[in-house]
């Protein structure tokens, strides 16, 4: 079985809004490396109960 990686931007105050977190070059590099290792991408909408 292949590993499943989950990624979400969360600030120290618990904010999950990707527009509220400034991304620097290191964060973009890290995210790009994770995407390069992915066999598939699941892109969806809301995560709700």
N, C-alpha and C. Protein backbone atom coordinates (compact mmCIF):
# COMPACT_ATOMS: atom_id res chain seq x y z
N UNK A 1 0.84 -1.17 0.00
CA UNK A 1 0.00 0.00 0.00
C UNK A 1 0.89 1.24 0.00
N UNK A 2 0.53 2.23 -0.80
CA UNK A 2 1.30 3.47 -0.91
C UNK A 2 0.88 4.43 0.20
N UNK A 3 1.82 5.29 0.64
CA UNK A 3 1.47 6.24 1.70
C UNK A 3 0.50 7.31 1.19
N UNK A 4 -0.35 7.78 2.09
CA UNK A 4 -1.26 8.88 1.80
C UNK A 4 -0.77 10.11 2.53
N UNK A 5 -0.57 11.19 1.80
CA UNK A 5 -0.11 12.44 2.40
C UNK A 5 -1.23 13.45 2.32
N UNK A 6 -1.46 14.12 3.43
CA UNK A 6 -2.49 15.16 3.51
C UNK A 6 -1.81 16.47 3.84
N UNK A 7 -2.18 17.52 3.17
CA UNK A 7 -1.53 18.81 3.38
C UNK A 7 -2.57 19.91 3.47
N UNK A 8 -2.43 20.75 4.47
CA UNK A 8 -3.29 21.92 4.62
C UNK A 8 -2.49 23.01 5.31
N UNK A 9 -2.72 24.24 4.91
CA UNK A 9 -2.04 25.37 5.54
C UNK A 9 -2.77 25.76 6.81
N UNK A 10 -2.07 25.71 7.93
CA UNK A 10 -2.65 26.10 9.21
C UNK A 10 -1.68 27.04 9.91
N UNK A 11 -2.17 28.21 10.32
CA UNK A 11 -1.34 29.16 11.05
C UNK A 11 -1.26 28.75 12.52
N UNK A 12 -0.35 29.37 13.25
CA UNK A 12 -0.19 29.04 14.67
C UNK A 12 -1.45 29.33 15.48
N UNK A 13 -2.27 30.27 15.02
CA UNK A 13 -3.51 30.58 15.74
C UNK A 13 -4.67 29.67 15.33
N UNK A 14 -4.41 28.69 14.45
CA UNK A 14 -5.44 27.75 14.03
C UNK A 14 -6.16 28.15 12.76
N UNK A 15 -5.80 29.27 12.17
CA UNK A 15 -6.43 29.74 10.95
C UNK A 15 -6.10 28.79 9.79
N UNK A 16 -7.13 28.36 9.05
CA UNK A 16 -6.93 27.44 7.92
C UNK A 16 -7.18 28.11 6.58
N UNK A 17 -7.17 29.42 6.53
CA UNK A 17 -7.41 30.15 5.29
C UNK A 17 -6.10 30.30 4.53
N UNK A 18 -5.99 29.68 3.36
CA UNK A 18 -4.73 29.70 2.62
C UNK A 18 -4.37 31.11 2.15
N UNK A 19 -5.35 32.01 2.09
CA UNK A 19 -5.06 33.38 1.66
C UNK A 19 -4.47 34.22 2.79
N UNK A 20 -4.58 33.76 4.04
CA UNK A 20 -4.13 34.54 5.19
C UNK A 20 -2.70 34.19 5.62
N UNK A 21 -2.10 33.20 4.99
CA UNK A 21 -0.76 32.74 5.39
C UNK A 21 0.24 33.12 4.30
N UNK A 22 1.17 34.03 4.61
CA UNK A 22 2.17 34.40 3.59
C UNK A 22 3.11 33.23 3.32
N UNK A 23 3.30 32.93 2.06
CA UNK A 23 4.17 31.81 1.68
C UNK A 23 5.51 32.34 1.19
N UNK A 24 6.58 31.82 1.77
CA UNK A 24 7.91 32.22 1.33
C UNK A 24 8.45 31.16 0.36
N UNK A 25 9.65 31.37 -0.11
CA UNK A 25 10.24 30.45 -1.09
C UNK A 25 10.40 29.04 -0.53
N UNK A 26 10.77 28.94 0.75
CA UNK A 26 10.95 27.62 1.36
C UNK A 26 9.66 26.82 1.42
N UNK A 27 8.55 27.50 1.74
CA UNK A 27 7.26 26.81 1.79
C UNK A 27 6.85 26.35 0.40
N UNK A 28 7.06 27.19 -0.62
CA UNK A 28 6.73 26.79 -1.99
C UNK A 28 7.59 25.61 -2.44
N UNK A 29 8.86 25.61 -2.08
CA UNK A 29 9.75 24.51 -2.44
C UNK A 29 9.29 23.22 -1.79
N UNK A 30 8.96 23.28 -0.50
CA UNK A 30 8.50 22.10 0.24
C UNK A 30 7.21 21.55 -0.37
N UNK A 31 6.25 22.43 -0.67
CA UNK A 31 4.99 21.99 -1.27
C UNK A 31 5.22 21.38 -2.65
N UNK A 32 6.11 21.99 -3.43
CA UNK A 32 6.42 21.46 -4.75
C UNK A 32 7.06 20.09 -4.70
N UNK A 33 7.94 19.88 -3.72
CA UNK A 33 8.58 18.57 -3.56
C UNK A 33 7.55 17.51 -3.19
N UNK A 34 6.60 17.86 -2.33
CA UNK A 34 5.53 16.92 -1.98
C UNK A 34 4.68 16.57 -3.20
N UNK A 35 4.36 17.57 -4.01
CA UNK A 35 3.57 17.31 -5.22
C UNK A 35 4.33 16.44 -6.21
N UNK A 36 5.63 16.67 -6.32
CA UNK A 36 6.45 15.86 -7.24
C UNK A 36 6.47 14.39 -6.85
N UNK A 37 6.33 14.09 -5.56
CA UNK A 37 6.35 12.70 -5.08
C UNK A 37 4.99 12.02 -5.17
N UNK A 38 3.95 12.78 -5.49
CA UNK A 38 2.60 12.23 -5.49
C UNK A 38 2.33 11.39 -6.74
N UNK A 39 1.64 10.29 -6.55
CA UNK A 39 1.19 9.48 -7.67
C UNK A 39 -0.16 9.98 -8.19
N UNK A 40 -0.92 10.62 -7.31
CA UNK A 40 -2.24 11.15 -7.67
C UNK A 40 -2.55 12.32 -6.75
N UNK A 41 -3.43 13.20 -7.21
CA UNK A 41 -3.88 14.33 -6.41
C UNK A 41 -5.39 14.26 -6.26
N UNK A 42 -5.87 14.41 -5.04
CA UNK A 42 -7.30 14.48 -4.78
C UNK A 42 -7.60 15.94 -4.43
N UNK A 43 -8.32 16.60 -5.29
CA UNK A 43 -8.63 18.01 -5.08
C UNK A 43 -10.13 18.11 -4.92
N UNK A 44 -10.54 18.57 -3.75
CA UNK A 44 -11.97 18.63 -3.49
C UNK A 44 -12.39 19.91 -2.84
N UNK A 45 -13.62 19.93 -2.43
CA UNK A 45 -14.20 21.11 -1.82
C UNK A 45 -14.12 21.06 -0.31
N UNK A 46 -15.23 21.11 0.31
CA UNK A 46 -15.32 21.20 1.75
C UNK A 46 -15.07 19.88 2.47
N UNK A 47 -14.47 20.00 3.63
CA UNK A 47 -14.35 18.86 4.54
C UNK A 47 -15.30 19.14 5.69
N UNK A 48 -16.42 18.44 5.73
CA UNK A 48 -17.42 18.66 6.78
C UNK A 48 -17.85 17.33 7.36
N UNK A 49 -18.46 17.42 8.52
CA UNK A 49 -18.99 16.21 9.16
C UNK A 49 -20.37 15.90 8.65
